[in-house]
C-alpha atoms as a PDB file:
ATOM      1  CA  MET A   1     158.922-124.164-113.610  1.00  0.00           C
ATOM      2  CA  ILE A   2     162.075-122.134-115.420  1.00  0.00           C
ATOM      3  CA  LEU A   3     164.559-124.400-115.480  1.00  0.00           C
ATOM      4  CA  LEU A   4     168.523-123.476-116.120  1.00  0.00           C
ATOM      5  CA  GLN A   5     168.139-120.485-114.241  1.00  0.00           C
ATOM      6  CA  ASP A   6     170.333-120.439-111.087  1.00  0.00           C
ATOM      7  CA  LEU A   7     173.266-122.440-112.271  1.00  0.00           C
ATOM      8  CA  ILE A   8     176.616-122.185-110.949  1.00  0.00           C
ATOM      9  CA  PRO A   9     178.961-120.422-112.950  1.00  0.00           C
ATOM     10  CA  ILE A  10     181.566-122.256-115.241  1.00  0.00           C
ATOM     11  CA  SER A  11     184.711-119.820-113.805  1.00  0.00           C
ATOM     12  CA  SER A  12     184.129-121.684-110.246  1.00  0.00           C
ATOM     13  CA  TRP A  13     184.342-124.992-111.447  1.00  0.00           C
ATOM     14  CA  PHE A  14     187.981-125.261-112.487  1.00  0.00           C
ATOM     15  CA  ASN A  15     191.311-123.293-112.223  1.00  0.00           C
ATOM     16  CA  THR A  16     191.170-119.209-113.763  1.00  0.00           C
ATOM     17  CA  PRO A  17     189.644-119.153-117.417  1.00  0.00           C
ATOM     18  CA  ILE A  18     192.124-119.135-120.674  1.00  0.00           C
ATOM     19  CA  ASN A  19     191.650-114.968-121.702  1.00  0.00           C
ATOM     20  CA  GLY A  20     187.918-115.504-120.139  1.00  0.00           C
ATOM     21  CA  LYS A  21     187.020-118.663-121.920  1.00  0.00           C
ATOM     22  CA  ILE A  22     187.161-122.627-121.035  1.00  0.00           C
ATOM     23  CA  ILE A  23     190.011-124.326-122.687  1.00  0.00           C
ATOM     24  CA  ILE A  24     189.259-128.408-123.038  1.00  0.00           C
ATOM     25  CA  ALA A  25     192.154-130.119-124.978  1.00  0.00           C
ATOM     26  CA  GLY A  26     193.695-133.750-125.540  1.00  0.00           C
ATOM     27  CA  PRO A  27     193.371-136.800-127.912  1.00  0.00           C
ATOM     28  CA  CYS A  28     190.209-138.121-129.371  1.00  0.00           C
ATOM     29  CA  SER A  29     190.723-141.081-127.507  1.00  0.00           C
ATOM     30  CA  ALA A  30     193.023-142.699-124.819  1.00  0.00           C
ATOM     31  CA  GLU A  31     195.183-145.043-126.577  1.00  0.00           C
ATOM     32  CA  SER A  32     197.913-146.082-124.167  1.00  0.00           C
ATOM     33  CA  PRO A  33     199.030-144.427-120.695  1.00  0.00           C
ATOM     34  CA  GLU A  34     202.345-143.318-123.073  1.00  0.00           C
ATOM     35  CA  GLN A  35     200.366-141.230-125.422  1.00  0.00           C
ATOM     36  CA  LEU A  36     197.755-139.889-122.673  1.00  0.00           C
ATOM     37  CA  MET A  37     201.430-138.834-120.482  1.00  0.00           C
ATOM     38  CA  GLU A  38     202.847-137.398-123.564  1.00  0.00           C
ATOM     39  CA  THR A  39     200.186-134.930-124.950  1.00  0.00           C
ATOM     40  CA  ALA A  40     198.808-134.027-120.918  1.00  0.00           C
ATOM     41  CA  LYS A  41     202.478-132.786-119.992  1.00  0.00           C
ATOM     42  CA  LYS A  42     202.956-130.662-123.209  1.00  0.00           C
ATOM     43  CA  LEU A  43     199.554-129.255-122.569  1.00  0.00           C
ATOM     44  CA  ALA A  44     199.917-128.741-118.908  1.00  0.00           C
ATOM     45  CA  ALA A  45     203.730-127.128-118.970  1.00  0.00           C
ATOM     46  CA  SER A  46     201.540-123.993-121.457  1.00  0.00           C
ATOM     47  CA  GLY A  47     199.426-123.219-118.588  1.00  0.00           C
ATOM     48  CA  LYS A  48     196.855-122.487-121.503  1.00  0.00           C
ATOM     49  CA  VAL A  49     194.408-125.625-120.831  1.00  0.00           C
ATOM     50  CA  ASN A  50     191.924-125.901-118.227  1.00  0.00           C
ATOM     51  CA  LEU A  51     190.421-129.314-118.633  1.00  0.00           C
ATOM     52  CA  TYR A  52     191.869-132.599-120.387  1.00  0.00           C
ATOM     53  CA  ARG A  53     189.909-134.543-122.121  1.00  0.00           C
ATOM     54  CA  ALA A  54     190.281-138.357-123.371  1.00  0.00           C
ATOM     55  CA  GLY A  55     187.537-140.861-124.891  1.00  0.00           C
ATOM     56  CA  ILE A  56     187.699-144.528-123.014  1.00  0.00           C
ATOM     57  CA  TRP A  57     184.431-145.521-124.317  1.00  0.00           C
ATOM     58  CA  LYS A  58     184.158-144.636-128.254  1.00  0.00           C
ATOM     59  CA  PRO A  59     180.641-144.929-129.530  1.00  0.00           C
ATOM     60  CA  ARG A  60     182.075-145.903-133.389  1.00  0.00           C
ATOM     61  CA  SER A  61     179.301-145.920-136.243  1.00  0.00           C
ATOM     62  CA  ARG A  62     180.151-149.780-137.021  1.00  0.00           C
ATOM     63  CA  PRO A  63     181.995-152.354-135.431  1.00  0.00           C
ATOM     64  CA  GLY A  64     185.538-153.329-136.198  1.00  0.00           C
ATOM     65  CA  SER A  65     186.627-149.845-135.804  1.00  0.00           C
ATOM     66  CA  PHE A  66     188.427-149.231-132.611  1.00  0.00           C
ATOM     67  CA  GLN A  67     186.314-148.465-129.744  1.00  0.00           C
ATOM     68  CA  GLY A  68     188.136-147.350-126.912  1.00  0.00           C
ATOM     69  CA  VAL A  69     190.136-149.014-124.493  1.00  0.00           C
ATOM     70  CA  GLY A  70     187.692-148.898-121.798  1.00  0.00           C
ATOM     71  CA  LYS A  71     187.662-148.703-117.805  1.00  0.00           C
ATOM     72  CA  GLU A  72     191.396-149.249-117.687  1.00  0.00           C
ATOM     73  CA  GLY A  73     191.356-146.030-119.000  1.00  0.00           C
ATOM     74  CA  LEU A  74     190.617-144.591-115.995  1.00  0.00           C
ATOM     75  CA  GLN A  75     193.146-145.503-113.933  1.00  0.00           C
ATOM     76  CA  TRP A  76     195.437-143.788-116.983  1.00  0.00           C
ATOM     77  CA  LEU A  77     193.687-140.595-116.364  1.00  0.00           C
ATOM     78  CA  GLN A  78     194.297-140.723-112.808  1.00  0.00           C
ATOM     79  CA  GLU A  79     198.165-140.889-113.139  1.00  0.00           C
ATOM     80  CA  ILE A  80     197.630-137.822-115.720  1.00  0.00           C
ATOM     81  CA  LYS A  81     196.030-135.780-112.964  1.00  0.00           C
ATOM     82  CA  LYS A  82     198.892-136.971-110.324  1.00  0.00           C
ATOM     83  CA  GLU A  83     201.481-136.205-112.190  1.00  0.00           C
ATOM     84  CA  THR A  84     200.240-132.763-113.876  1.00  0.00           C
ATOM     85  CA  GLY A  85     197.848-131.541-111.684  1.00  0.00           C
ATOM     86  CA  LEU A  86     195.423-131.064-114.867  1.00  0.00           C
ATOM     87  CA  CYS A  87     191.399-131.786-114.194  1.00  0.00           C
ATOM     88  CA  VAL A  88     190.366-134.641-116.480  1.00  0.00           C
ATOM     89  CA  ILE A  89     186.718-135.444-118.470  1.00  0.00           C
ATOM     90  CA  THR A  90     185.555-138.140-120.687  1.00  0.00           C
ATOM     91  CA  GLU A  91     182.276-139.400-122.344  1.00  0.00           C
ATOM     92  CA  VAL A  92     179.740-141.411-120.710  1.00  0.00           C
ATOM     93  CA  ALA A  93     177.200-143.371-122.403  1.00  0.00           C
ATOM     94  CA  SER A  94     175.634-145.390-119.622  1.00  0.00           C
ATOM     95  CA  PRO A  95     175.095-145.401-115.895  1.00  0.00           C
ATOM     96  CA  GLN A  96     177.851-147.992-115.505  1.00  0.00           C
ATOM     97  CA  HIS A  97     180.318-145.552-117.019  1.00  0.00           C
ATOM     98  CA  VAL A  98     179.170-143.191-114.503  1.00  0.00           C
ATOM     99  CA  GLU A  99     179.650-145.218-111.728  1.00  0.00           C
ATOM    100  CA  ASP A 100     182.871-145.797-113.099  1.00  0.00           C
ATOM    101  CA  CYS A 101     184.051-142.404-113.030  1.00  0.00           C
ATOM    102  CA  ILE A 102     182.613-141.636-110.133  1.00  0.00           C
ATOM    103  CA  THR A 103     184.938-144.205-108.294  1.00  0.00           C
ATOM    104  CA  GLN A 104     188.153-143.176-110.364  1.00  0.00           C
ATOM    105  CA  GLY A 105     187.548-139.913-109.130  1.00  0.00           C
ATOM    106  CA  ILE A 106     187.281-138.195-112.586  1.00  0.00           C
ATOM    107  CA  ASP A 107     186.554-134.375-112.852  1.00  0.00           C
ATOM    108  CA  ALA A 108     183.996-134.019-115.199  1.00  0.00           C
ATOM    109  CA  VAL A 109     181.691-136.014-118.094  1.00  0.00           C
ATOM    110  CA  TRP A 110     180.781-135.108-121.427  1.00  0.00           C
ATOM    111  CA  ILE A 111     177.658-136.436-123.055  1.00  0.00           C
ATOM    112  CA  GLY A 112     178.030-137.849-126.929  1.00  0.00           C
ATOM    113  CA  ALA A 113     175.458-136.373-129.767  1.00  0.00           C
ATOM    114  CA  ARG A 114     174.588-139.666-130.045  1.00  0.00           C
ATOM    115  CA  THR A 115     173.853-140.297-126.320  1.00  0.00           C
ATOM    116  CA  VAL A 116     171.751-136.998-126.044  1.00  0.00           C
ATOM    117  CA  SER A 117     169.671-138.450-129.190  1.00  0.00           C
ATOM    118  CA  ASN A 118     168.030-141.335-126.845  1.00  0.00           C
ATOM    119  CA  PRO A 119     166.040-139.316-124.150  1.00  0.00           C
ATOM    120  CA  PHE A 120     166.192-142.861-122.776  1.00  0.00           C
ATOM    121  CA  SER A 121     169.798-143.185-122.350  1.00  0.00           C
ATOM    122  CA  VAL A 122     170.231-139.553-120.934  1.00  0.00           C
ATOM    123  CA  LYS A 123     166.994-140.133-118.142  1.00  0.00           C
ATOM    124  CA  GLU A 124     169.693-143.259-117.077  1.00  0.00           C
ATOM    125  CA  ILE A 125     172.935-141.234-116.567  1.00  0.00           C
ATOM    126  CA  ALA A 126     171.184-138.346-115.598  1.00  0.00           C
ATOM    127  CA  ASP A 127     169.549-140.612-112.573  1.00  0.00           C
ATOM    128  CA  ALA A 128     173.272-141.947-112.249  1.00  0.00           C
ATOM    129  CA  LEU A 129     174.416-138.873-111.473  1.00  0.00           C
ATOM    130  CA  GLN A 130     171.891-137.666-109.226  1.00  0.00           C
ATOM    131  CA  GLY A 131     173.717-136.383-105.838  1.00  0.00           C
ATOM    132  CA  THR A 132     176.843-135.445-107.135  1.00  0.00           C
ATOM    133  CA  ASP A 133     177.980-131.830-108.549  1.00  0.00           C
ATOM    134  CA  ILE A 134     180.042-133.175-110.689  1.00  0.00           C
ATOM    135  CA  PRO A 135     180.169-130.835-114.210  1.00  0.00           C
ATOM    136  CA  VAL A 136     178.600-132.147-116.876  1.00  0.00           C
ATOM    137  CA  PHE A 137     178.781-130.788-120.755  1.00  0.00           C
ATOM    138  CA  VAL A 138     175.774-132.261-122.907  1.00  0.00           C
ATOM    139  CA  LYS A 139     176.945-132.078-126.749  1.00  0.00           C
ATOM    140  CA  ASN A 140     173.916-131.094-129.093  1.00  0.00           C
ATOM    141  CA  PRO A 141     172.142-133.890-130.843  1.00  0.00           C
ATOM    142  CA  LEU A 142     172.696-135.719-134.000  1.00  0.00           C
ATOM    143  CA  SER A 143     169.907-133.327-135.856  1.00  0.00           C
ATOM    144  CA  PRO A 144     168.827-129.965-135.103  1.00  0.00           C
ATOM    145  CA  ASP A 145     166.375-130.305-133.113  1.00  0.00           C
ATOM    146  CA  ILE A 146     166.815-127.181-130.094  1.00  0.00           C
ATOM    147  CA  GLU A 147     164.102-129.163-127.692  1.00  0.00           C
ATOM    148  CA  MET A 148     166.256-132.543-127.848  1.00  0.00           C
ATOM    149  CA  TRP A 149     169.222-130.689-126.419  1.00  0.00           C
ATOM    150  CA  ILE A 150     167.430-128.409-124.083  1.00  0.00           C
ATOM    151  CA  GLY A 151     165.278-131.576-123.016  1.00  0.00           C
ATOM    152  CA  ALA A 152     168.447-133.749-121.995  1.00  0.00           C
ATOM    153  CA  LEU A 153     169.909-130.591-120.138  1.00  0.00           C
ATOM    154  CA  GLU A 154     166.378-130.240-118.659  1.00  0.00           C
ATOM    155  CA  ARG A 155     167.041-133.878-117.481  1.00  0.00           C
ATOM    156  CA  PHE A 156     170.254-133.205-115.504  1.00  0.00           C
ATOM    157  CA  TYR A 157     169.557-130.206-114.015  1.00  0.00           C
ATOM    158  CA  ASN A 158     166.172-132.313-112.276  1.00  0.00           C
ATOM    159  CA  SER A 159     168.697-134.322-111.128  1.00  0.00           C
ATOM    160  CA  GLY A 160     170.049-131.578-108.913  1.00  0.00           C
ATOM    161  CA  LEU A 161     173.072-130.941-111.434  1.00  0.00           C
ATOM    162  CA  LYS A 162     173.965-127.232-111.473  1.00  0.00           C
ATOM    163  CA  LYS A 163     177.280-127.400-113.347  1.00  0.00           C
ATOM    164  CA  LEU A 164     176.022-127.554-116.498  1.00  0.00           C
ATOM    165  CA  ALA A 165     177.307-127.016-119.579  1.00  0.00           C
ATOM    166  CA  ALA A 166     176.190-126.879-123.714  1.00  0.00           C
ATOM    167  CA  ILE A 167     178.852-128.278-126.236  1.00  0.00           C
ATOM    168  CA  HIS A 168     178.098-127.732-130.112  1.00  0.00           C
ATOM    169  CA  ARG A 169     179.758-130.106-132.056  1.00  0.00           C
ATOM    170  CA  GLY A 170     177.681-129.485-135.290  1.00  0.00           C
ATOM    171  CA  PHE A 171     175.494-131.599-136.694  1.00  0.00           C
ATOM    172  CA  PHE A 172     175.101-134.356-138.897  1.00  0.00           C
ATOM    173  CA  PRO A 173     174.988-133.003-142.800  1.00  0.00           C
ATOM    174  CA  TYR A 174     172.024-134.991-144.644  1.00  0.00           C
ATOM    175  CA  GLU A 175     173.877-133.184-148.001  1.00  0.00           C
ATOM    176  CA  LYS A 176     177.013-132.836-149.497  1.00  0.00           C
ATOM    177  CA  SER A 177     179.257-130.279-146.842  1.00  0.00           C
ATOM    178  CA  ARG A 178     182.776-128.920-146.560  1.00  0.00           C
ATOM    179  CA  LEU A 179     182.591-129.720-142.967  1.00  0.00           C
ATOM    180  CA  ARG A 180     182.228-133.319-141.160  1.00  0.00           C
ATOM    181  CA  ASN A 181     178.939-131.815-139.480  1.00  0.00           C
ATOM    182  CA  VAL A 182     177.491-128.469-140.327  1.00  0.00           C
ATOM    183  CA  PRO A 183     177.926-125.621-137.578  1.00  0.00           C
ATOM    184  CA  LYS A 184     173.733-124.319-137.889  1.00  0.00           C
ATOM    185  CA  TRP A 185     175.010-121.552-135.403  1.00  0.00           C
ATOM    186  CA  GLU A 186     171.609-120.310-135.056  1.00  0.00           C
ATOM    187  CA  VAL A 187     170.735-123.411-133.189  1.00  0.00           C
ATOM    188  CA  ALA A 188     173.528-122.834-130.321  1.00  0.00           C
ATOM    189  CA  ILE A 189     172.723-118.982-130.561  1.00  0.00           C
ATOM    190  CA  GLU A 190     169.005-119.382-129.871  1.00  0.00           C
ATOM    191  CA  LEU A 191     169.940-121.782-126.599  1.00  0.00           C
ATOM    192  CA  LYS A 192     171.988-119.374-125.532  1.00  0.00           C
ATOM    193  CA  THR A 193     169.409-116.913-125.976  1.00  0.00           C
ATOM    194  CA  GLN A 194     166.947-118.980-124.321  1.00  0.00           C
ATOM    195  CA  PHE A 195     169.021-119.956-121.434  1.00  0.00           C
ATOM    196  CA  PRO A 196     171.753-116.373-121.408  1.00  0.00           C
ATOM    197  CA  THR A 197     173.325-118.078-117.955  1.00  0.00           C
ATOM    198  CA  LEU A 198     173.814-121.867-119.453  1.00  0.00           C
ATOM    199  CA  PRO A 199     177.790-121.573-120.269  1.00  0.00           C
ATOM    200  CA  VAL A 200     178.279-123.187-124.252  1.00  0.00           C
ATOM    201  CA  ILE A 201     181.599-124.683-125.585  1.00  0.00           C
ATOM    202  CA  CYS A 202     182.259-124.784-129.210  1.00  0.00           C
ATOM    203  CA  ASP A 203     184.169-128.208-130.516  1.00  0.00           C
ATOM    204  CA  PRO A 204     185.658-126.841-134.032  1.00  0.00           C
ATOM    205  CA  SER A 205     187.159-130.636-133.850  1.00  0.00           C
ATOM    206  CA  HIS A 206     184.060-132.329-134.822  1.00  0.00           C
ATOM    207  CA  MET A 207     182.642-129.606-136.522  1.00  0.00           C
ATOM    208  CA  ALA A 208     185.885-129.360-139.330  1.00  0.00           C
ATOM    209  CA  GLY A 209     186.590-133.161-139.799  1.00  0.00           C
ATOM    210  CA  LYS A 210     189.553-131.423-140.912  1.00  0.00           C
ATOM    211  CA  LYS A 211     192.762-129.939-139.046  1.00  0.00           C
ATOM    212  CA  SER A 212     192.454-126.997-142.238  1.00  0.00           C
ATOM    213  CA  PHE A 213     189.039-125.680-140.839  1.00  0.00           C
ATOM    214  CA  ILE A 214     189.625-125.837-136.967  1.00  0.00           C
ATOM    215  CA  PHE A 215     191.130-122.302-136.786  1.00  0.00           C
ATOM    216  CA  GLU A 216     187.743-120.556-138.193  1.00  0.00           C
ATOM    217  CA  ILE A 217     185.502-122.402-136.564  1.00  0.00           C
ATOM    218  CA  ALA A 218     186.816-121.711-133.351  1.00  0.00           C
ATOM    219  CA  GLN A 219     187.228-117.859-134.262  1.00  0.00           C
ATOM    220  CA  TYR A 220     183.827-117.734-135.194  1.00  0.00           C
ATOM    221  CA  ALA A 221     182.866-119.490-132.212  1.00  0.00           C
ATOM    222  CA  LEU A 222     184.158-116.871-130.112  1.00  0.00           C
ATOM    223  CA  ASP A 223     183.054-113.834-132.018  1.00  0.00           C
ATOM    224  CA  LEU A 224     179.852-114.953-131.021  1.00  0.00           C
ATOM    225  CA  SER A 225     180.925-115.370-127.635  1.00  0.00           C
ATOM    226  CA  PHE A 226     180.818-119.131-127.087  1.00  0.00           C
ATOM    227  CA  ASP A 227     182.580-119.489-123.364  1.00  0.00           C
ATOM    228  CA  GLY A 228     185.051-121.836-124.718  1.00  0.00           C
ATOM    229  CA  LEU A 229     186.734-124.517-127.088  1.00  0.00           C
ATOM    230  CA  MET A 230     186.990-128.026-126.655  1.00  0.00           C
ATOM    231  CA  ILE A 231     189.779-128.795-129.205  1.00  0.00           C
ATOM    232  CA  GLU A 232     191.436-132.419-129.818  1.00  0.00           C
ATOM    233  CA  VAL A 233     194.950-132.943-129.537  1.00  0.00           C
ATOM    234  CA  HIS A 234     197.095-135.924-130.025  1.00  0.00           C
ATOM    235  CA  PRO A 235     200.835-136.114-129.966  1.00  0.00           C
ATOM    236  CA  ASP A 236     201.416-137.830-133.425  1.00  0.00           C
ATOM    237  CA  PRO A 237     197.951-137.297-135.387  1.00  0.00           C
ATOM    238  CA  SER A 238     199.066-139.414-138.493  1.00  0.00           C
ATOM    239  CA  ALA A 239     198.878-142.642-136.188  1.00  0.00           C
ATOM    240  CA  ALA A 240     196.225-141.630-134.209  1.00  0.00           C
ATOM    241  CA  LEU A 241     193.348-144.929-133.601  1.00  0.00           C
ATOM    242  CA  SER A 242     190.509-142.809-134.351  1.00  0.00           C
ATOM    243  CA  ASP A 243     189.398-139.667-136.149  1.00  0.00           C
ATOM    244  CA  LYS A 244     193.081-138.755-137.489  1.00  0.00           C
ATOM    245  CA  ALA A 245     192.564-135.921-139.773  1.00  0.00           C
ATOM    246  CA  GLN A 246     190.752-133.855-137.467  1.00  0.00           C
ATOM    247  CA  GLN A 247     192.958-133.757-134.584  1.00  0.00           C
ATOM    248  CA  LEU A 248     195.997-131.380-133.920  1.00  0.00           C
ATOM    249  CA  ALA A 249     199.190-131.914-132.880  1.00  0.00           C
ATOM    250  CA  PRO A 250     200.310-130.140-129.131  1.00  0.00           C
ATOM    251  CA  GLU A 251     202.497-127.239-131.654  1.00  0.00           C
ATOM    252  CA  GLU A 252     199.531-126.793-133.910  1.00  0.00           C
ATOM    253  CA  PHE A 253     197.263-126.287-130.994  1.00  0.00           C
ATOM    254  CA  PHE A 254     199.764-124.081-129.226  1.00  0.00           C
ATOM    255  CA  GLU A 255     199.819-121.725-132.689  1.00  0.00           C
ATOM    256  CA  LEU A 256     196.151-121.921-132.797  1.00  0.00           C
ATOM    257  CA  LEU A 257     195.541-120.766-129.835  1.00  0.00           C
ATOM    258  CA  ASN A 258     198.322-117.888-130.401  1.00  0.00           C
ATOM    259  CA  ASN A 259     196.688-116.638-133.292  1.00  0.00           C
ATOM    260  CA  LEU A 260     193.216-116.654-131.861  1.00  0.00           C
ATOM    261  CA  SER A 261     191.413-113.358-131.086  1.00  0.00           C
ATOM    262  CA  PHE A 262     190.160-113.386-127.709  1.00  0.00           C
ATOM    263  CA  LYS A 263     187.691-110.455-128.026  1.00  0.00           C
ATOM    264  CA  THR A 264     185.930-109.265-124.484  1.00  0.00           C
ATOM    265  CA  SER A 265     182.076-107.488-125.054  1.00  0.00           C
ATOM    266  CA  ASP A 266     181.934-104.272-125.028  1.00  0.00           C
ATOM    267  CA  VAL A 267     179.060-103.463-126.764  1.00  0.00           C
ATOM    268  CA  SER A 268     175.391-102.380-126.155  1.00  0.00           C
ATOM    269  CA  ASP A 269     173.162-105.179-125.892  1.00  0.00           C
ATOM    270  CA  LEU A 270     171.336-103.973-128.998  1.00  0.00           C
ATOM    271  CA  GLN A 271     174.323-104.311-130.798  1.00  0.00           C
ATOM    272  CA  THR A 272     175.300-107.510-129.249  1.00  0.00           C
ATOM    273  CA  SER A 273     171.669-108.984-130.491  1.00  0.00           C
ATOM    274  CA  ILE A 274     171.730-107.521-133.787  1.00  0.00           C
ATOM    275  CA  LYS A 275     175.209-109.571-133.820  1.00  0.00           C
ATOM    276  CA  THR A 276     173.958-112.169-133.052  1.00  0.00           C
ATOM    277  CA  LEU A 277     170.931-112.181-135.665  1.00  0.00           C
ATOM    278  CA  ARG A 278     173.090-111.128-138.541  1.00  0.00           C
ATOM    279  CA  SER A 279     175.376-114.254-137.477  1.00  0.00           C
ATOM    280  CA  SER A 280     172.175-116.804-137.671  1.00  0.00           C
ATOM    281  CA  ILE A 281     171.883-114.889-140.847  1.00  0.00           C
ATOM    282  CA  ASP A 282     175.090-115.716-141.966  1.00  0.00           C
ATOM    283  CA  SER A 283     174.819-119.443-141.052  1.00  0.00           C
ATOM    284  CA  ILE A 284     171.430-119.935-142.931  1.00  0.00           C
ATOM    285  CA  ASP A 285     172.986-118.330-145.861  1.00  0.00           C
ATOM    286  CA  PHE A 286     176.086-120.755-146.122  1.00  0.00           C
ATOM    287  CA  GLN A 287     173.604-123.597-146.212  1.00  0.00           C
ATOM    288  CA  ILE A 288     172.050-121.820-148.634  1.00  0.00           C
ATOM    289  CA  ILE A 289     175.067-121.739-150.671  1.00  0.00           C
ATOM    290  CA  GLU A 290     175.582-125.315-150.272  1.00  0.00           C
ATOM    291  CA  LEU A 291     171.852-126.375-150.913  1.00  0.00           C
ATOM    292  CA  LEU A 292     172.107-124.354-154.302  1.00  0.00           C
ATOM    293  CA  ALA A 293     175.415-126.657-155.093  1.00  0.00           C
ATOM    294  CA  ALA A 294     173.757-129.827-154.408  1.00  0.00           C
ATOM    295  CA  ARG A 295     170.694-128.876-156.323  1.00  0.00           C
ATOM    296  CA  MET A 296     173.015-127.893-159.155  1.00  0.00           C
ATOM    297  CA  GLU A 297     175.307-131.409-158.787  1.00  0.00           C
ATOM    298  CA  LEU A 298     172.045-133.035-159.465  1.00  0.00           C
ATOM    299  CA  VAL A 299     170.989-131.168-162.390  1.00  0.00           C
ATOM    300  CA  GLU A 300     174.266-131.843-164.354  1.00  0.00           C
ATOM    301  CA  ARG A 301     173.319-135.574-163.464  1.00  0.00           C
ATOM    302  CA  ILE A 302     170.250-135.105-164.828  1.00  0.00           C
ATOM    303  CA  GLY A 303     171.371-133.435-167.767  1.00  0.00           C
ATOM    304  CA  LYS A 304     173.950-136.208-168.622  1.00  0.00           C
ATOM    305  CA  ILE A 305     171.034-138.559-169.095  1.00  0.00           C
ATOM    306  CA  LYS A 306     168.740-135.928-171.158  1.00  0.00           C
ATOM    307  CA  LYS A 307     172.267-135.861-173.926  1.00  0.00           C
ATOM    308  CA  GLU A 308     172.502-139.724-173.672  1.00  0.00           C
ATOM    309  CA  ASN A 309     168.452-140.407-174.484  1.00  0.00           C
ATOM    310  CA  ASP A 310     167.879-137.069-176.748  1.00  0.00           C
ATOM    311  CA  ILE A 311     165.938-135.688-174.382  1.00  0.00           C
ATOM    312  CA  THR A 312     165.410-131.957-174.577  1.00  0.00           C
ATOM    313  CA  ILE A 313     166.892-129.759-171.592  1.00  0.00           C
ATOM    314  CA  PHE A 314     163.573-127.825-171.238  1.00  0.00           C
ATOM    315  CA  GLN A 315     160.112-129.611-169.733  1.00  0.00           C
ATOM    316  CA  LEU A 316     157.200-127.559-169.136  1.00  0.00           C
ATOM    317  CA  LYS A 317     155.266-130.286-167.348  1.00  0.00           C
ATOM    318  CA  ARG A 318     157.985-130.246-165.148  1.00  0.00           C
ATOM    319  CA  TRP A 319     158.498-126.405-164.826  1.00  0.00           C
ATOM    320  CA  LYS A 320     155.284-125.941-164.044  1.00  0.00           C
ATOM    321  CA  ASP A 321     154.389-128.642-161.732  1.00  0.00           C
ATOM    322  CA  ILE A 322     158.013-126.963-159.939  1.00  0.00           C
ATOM    323  CA  ILE A 323     155.991-123.781-159.904  1.00  0.00           C
ATOM    324  CA  ASP A 324     153.159-125.059-158.628  1.00  0.00           C
ATOM    325  CA  THR A 325     154.276-127.121-155.787  1.00  0.00           C
ATOM    326  CA  ARG A 326     157.051-124.377-154.677  1.00  0.00           C
ATOM    327  CA  LEU A 327     154.129-121.471-154.308  1.00  0.00           C
ATOM    328  CA  LYS A 328     152.319-123.191-152.401  1.00  0.00           C
ATOM    329  CA  ALA A 329     154.851-124.446-149.675  1.00  0.00           C
ATOM    330  CA  GLY A 330     156.388-120.738-149.776  1.00  0.00           C
ATOM    331  CA  LYS A 331     152.758-119.642-148.997  1.00  0.00           C
ATOM    332  CA  ASP A 332     152.413-122.263-145.982  1.00  0.00           C
ATOM    333  CA  THR A 333     155.595-120.563-145.019  1.00  0.00           C
ATOM    334  CA  GLY A 334     155.052-116.835-145.254  1.00  0.00           C
ATOM    335  CA  LEU A 335     156.818-116.172-148.993  1.00  0.00           C
ATOM    336  CA  SER A 336     155.374-114.051-151.000  1.00  0.00           C
ATOM    337  CA  ASP A 337     154.501-115.483-154.693  1.00  0.00           C
ATOM    338  CA  ASP A 338     156.433-113.032-157.048  1.00  0.00           C
ATOM    339  CA  PHE A 339     159.801-113.385-154.393  1.00  0.00           C
ATOM    340  CA  LEU A 340     159.775-116.964-154.977  1.00  0.00           C
ATOM    341  CA  TYR A 341     158.788-116.840-158.877  1.00  0.00           C
ATOM    342  CA  ARG A 342     161.523-114.499-159.541  1.00  0.00           C
ATOM    343  CA  LEU A 343     163.828-116.941-157.112  1.00  0.00           C
ATOM    344  CA  LEU A 344     163.102-120.239-158.951  1.00  0.00           C
ATOM    345  CA  GLU A 345     163.090-118.367-162.030  1.00  0.00           C
ATOM    346  CA  MET A 346     166.832-117.923-161.589  1.00  0.00           C
ATOM    347  CA  ILE A 347     167.522-121.019-160.005  1.00  0.00           C
ATOM    348  CA  HIS A 348     165.868-122.867-163.733  1.00  0.00           C
ATOM    349  CA  GLN A 349     167.672-120.351-165.852  1.00  0.00           C
ATOM    350  CA  GLU A 350     171.029-121.503-164.116  1.00  0.00           C
ATOM    351  CA  ALA A 351     169.985-124.897-164.420  1.00  0.00           C
ATOM    352  CA  ILE A 352     169.200-124.614-168.124  1.00  0.00           C
ATOM    353  CA  ARG A 353     172.510-122.922-168.497  1.00  0.00           C
ATOM    354  CA  ILE A 354     174.345-125.881-167.402  1.00  0.00           C
ATOM    355  CA  GLN A 355     172.615-128.485-169.171  1.00  0.00           C
ATOM    356  CA  SER A 356     172.701-126.170-172.439  1.00  0.00           C
ATOM    357  CA  GLU A 357     176.772-126.384-171.644  1.00  0.00           C
ATOM    358  CA  MET A 358     177.112-129.428-171.366  1.00  0.00           C
END
């Protein structure tokens, strides 16, 4: 059965898209009625936002962190709708959340990365949404597992939901990274390739983790023909109760939108395909660079131990073991022995240089 093929176009869900893109903005968390209203009025007055976001229930990694105001915040969002005319969206993580949102007239919901990572939770929420036509935005799971992401979307589709979109917010970085969540653009590109009618929104706030990286991520997403952006905006980011480093003040948000280039695609399908594949290559290359940097940090730590204990830098047995195991792994993936040996040799030479200069 072919799924996700008769989705309702996102352009018809809300008011007119901005420059052909859906813009979702608002604070990470609903903290007070005043904070919500102050932000919403500024965003509404700009005419540049389609959907106002605010987290009501916050699934934090550790207890003790601000976990949201709960159900009371839905009434605050109702006031936002009445006062500003903005459509509102929040995160749901349980059937009870769904029931509360439907009762309070919330316009759309998103499913967070932690929830998407649990198929049981997704199924329960999908069942609770059955019989509604509310738009559902599905974030990627914590790990770069495209099948899990697709599976979550399929569960909502199987519940009769045709207003579906994906949100690319990056993946948990198991290695050191300058970003809070690594983009791995190739995963989102593959999702879009498999399901061309599925809208894919980028969440540069969660990828960045710091406001200084938001522009470059947002622009890159637009260059890849993403269908919109979800950006966190707070009236006073320094006083935010959650994720203060990645939230923009309203003025910073407007400046960001003004500086972004909203390009229209007027190139051939062939050129678009090549650009998409090259973008995947770019993403993988940057990951390789970060992994190499992490490897050299470990090399330096080993070098210090060698120096403190008068151990020689070059260890023949270790080098032979690296060659044997890596060539075997490369053969299993189709890489040539010659290419892989030359690559390993360059990496090894750099490791020796680092330890020699200590």
